[in-house]
Amino acid sequence: MIQNTLLVIKLLIKIHNYEYVMEDLKRIKRNNWVAKHPDTVQNIYAAFGWILSKR
């Protein structure tokens, strides 16, 4: 039960971090840049996900 709770907490933290990164990316690069560069955005997400998985 405690392990499941910890997994849920870790998942929620990761989801929140992804949302934070996306909003920050939109703020820095503007929405039109994000829309025009979906591959780059996907690579950023993948790298960020890899970093979070190593925590």
C-alpha atoms as a PDB file:
ATOM      1  CA  MET A   1       0.000   0.000   0.000  1.00  0.00           C
ATOM      2  CA  ILE A   2       2.768   2.446   0.894  1.00  0.00           C
ATOM      3  CA  GLN A   3       4.676   1.560  -2.291  1.00  0.00           C
ATOM      4  CA  ASN A   4       1.592   2.251  -4.403  1.00  0.00           C
ATOM      5  CA  THR A   5       1.113   5.582  -2.668  1.00  0.00           C
ATOM      6  CA  LEU A   6       4.739   6.512  -3.294  1.00  0.00           C
ATOM      7  CA  LEU A   7       4.408   5.574  -6.970  1.00  0.00           C
ATOM      8  CA  VAL A   8       1.341   7.771  -7.308  1.00  0.00           C
ATOM      9  CA  ILE A   9       3.136  10.679  -5.635  1.00  0.00           C
ATOM     10  CA  LYS A  10       6.151  10.271  -7.941  1.00  0.00           C
ATOM     11  CA  LEU A  11       3.857  10.166 -10.976  1.00  0.00           C
ATOM     12  CA  LEU A  12       2.052  13.327  -9.902  1.00  0.00           C
ATOM     13  CA  ILE A  13       5.368  15.118  -9.423  1.00  0.00           C
ATOM     14  CA  LYS A  14       6.504  14.078 -12.894  1.00  0.00           C
ATOM     15  CA  ILE A  15       3.242  15.225 -14.477  1.00  0.00           C
ATOM     16  CA  HIS A  16       3.487  18.564 -12.700  1.00  0.00           C
ATOM     17  CA  ASN A  17       7.096  18.986 -13.861  1.00  0.00           C
ATOM     18  CA  TYR A  18       6.140  18.244 -17.472  1.00  0.00           C
ATOM     19  CA  GLU A  19       3.394  20.856 -17.315  1.00  0.00           C
ATOM     20  CA  TYR A  20       5.824  23.358 -15.811  1.00  0.00           C
ATOM     21  CA  VAL A  21       8.372  22.702 -18.559  1.00  0.00           C
ATOM     22  CA  MET A  22       5.742  23.094 -21.281  1.00  0.00           C
ATOM     23  CA  GLU A  23       4.437  26.377 -19.874  1.00  0.00           C
ATOM     24  CA  ASP A  24       7.975  27.684 -19.460  1.00  0.00           C
ATOM     25  CA  LEU A  25       8.834  26.656 -23.017  1.00  0.00           C
ATOM     26  CA  LYS A  26       5.741  28.444 -24.321  1.00  0.00           C
ATOM     27  CA  ARG A  27       6.653  31.544 -22.324  1.00  0.00           C
ATOM     28  CA  ILE A  28      10.241  31.587 -23.565  1.00  0.00           C
ATOM     29  CA  LYS A  29       9.702  30.571 -27.185  1.00  0.00           C
ATOM     30  CA  ARG A  30       6.078  31.651 -27.711  1.00  0.00           C
ATOM     31  CA  ASN A  31       3.258  29.351 -28.790  1.00  0.00           C
ATOM     32  CA  ASN A  32       3.911  29.733 -32.516  1.00  0.00           C
ATOM     33  CA  TRP A  33       7.475  28.418 -32.126  1.00  0.00           C
ATOM     34  CA  VAL A  34       6.220  25.424 -30.159  1.00  0.00           C
ATOM     35  CA  ALA A  35       3.627  24.698 -32.861  1.00  0.00           C
ATOM     36  CA  LYS A  36       6.207  24.980 -35.658  1.00  0.00           C
ATOM     37  CA  HIS A  37       8.811  22.740 -33.978  1.00  0.00           C
ATOM     38  CA  PRO A  38       6.954  19.675 -32.654  1.00  0.00           C
ATOM     39  CA  ASP A  39       9.981  17.381 -33.071  1.00  0.00           C
ATOM     40  CA  THR A  40      12.171  19.655 -30.982  1.00  0.00           C
ATOM     41  CA  VAL A  41       9.485  19.919 -28.306  1.00  0.00           C
ATOM     42  CA  GLN A  42       9.161  16.119 -28.271  1.00  0.00           C
ATOM     43  CA  ASN A  43      12.940  15.775 -27.878  1.00  0.00           C
ATOM     44  CA  ILE A  44      12.904  18.211 -24.969  1.00  0.00           C
ATOM     45  CA  TYR A  45      10.134  16.185 -23.307  1.00  0.00           C
ATOM     46  CA  ALA A  46      11.987  12.933 -23.900  1.00  0.00           C
ATOM     47  CA  ALA A  47      15.197  14.310 -22.396  1.00  0.00           C
ATOM     48  CA  PHE A  48      13.341  15.735 -19.430  1.00  0.00           C
ATOM     49  CA  GLY A  49      11.527  12.425 -18.906  1.00  0.00           C
ATOM     50  CA  TRP A  50      14.826  10.571 -19.011  1.00  0.00           C
ATOM     51  CA  ILE A  51      16.292  12.927 -16.397  1.00  0.00           C
ATOM     52  CA  LEU A  52      13.271  12.488 -14.133  1.00  0.00           C
ATOM     53  CA  SER A  53      13.393   8.719 -14.468  1.00  0.00           C
ATOM     54  CA  LYS A  54      16.968   8.754 -13.126  1.00  0.00           C
ATOM     55  CA  ARG A  55      15.942  10.467  -9.883  1.00  0.00           C
END
